[in-house]
Amino acid sequence: MWEIADMICNRLGLGTENIFIYALAMTLAVFGVFIALGLVMRLIAEIITTIMAIFLGSGITFVIVNYLTFPGTIIHELSHAAVAFVTGAEVTSFSVIPSGLNLGSVEFKPRGKRVFRDMQITLASAAPVIVGTVLLWVMYAYIYPNCGTTVHYVLYWYMFASIFFHMTLSIQDILNIVMALPVSIPVIYVTMLVVTFVSRM
């Protein structure tokens, strides 16, 4: 993240000395990395799904991607619920029972002042990408090296695919994040300002 902020400052000819400008660059880097990660994950998932549909047919591919990877649905919805709860929101509904195209759902009620409510919405809505990325990294770094049998590898790739296909954001998730940006951006900027100040002490 620091490298991306350095690049932004240098490309714009602003330098990295001014902590206020640098914190702004860090804020842009955070959102840029998050958006890029989300778009890349969605693109890769769509490409894989399209290739599978060519060879297996759309019906079988739909069942595989959505229903046979059910552990990913559980992790997706748990991510929403856990982050909402941890940030102070009240989780009012949780379901991982598939119903047609709806594989699961979480409803939560933001609480507190406007700034806290908007941050709860932003973080809870973005949770599947954040949690999914962390889980895939942990699996790759700590579990994959310890796979020793065919069964281990099959289980590893099954869980990897399950998490991967369900870590993308829904349209509602994206709308929630966008609606909360007017408050979440200043909060992240202040956070980056503090981090930058402390790191230079």
Foldseek 3Di string as FASTA:
>chain_A
DLVQLQVVCVVVVNHCPDLLSSLLSVLVVVVVVLVVLLVVLVVVLVVVLVVCCVVPNNVVSCCCLQPVLLVLLVLLQVQLVVLLVVLPWAWDDWFQPDDVPDRIDTDIGADDDLLSSLVSLLRSLLRLQVVLVVVLVCCVVPVVVVDDDPVSVVVSVSNNSSSSSNSHGDPVSVVSNVVSVVNVSVVSSVVSSVVSVVVVD
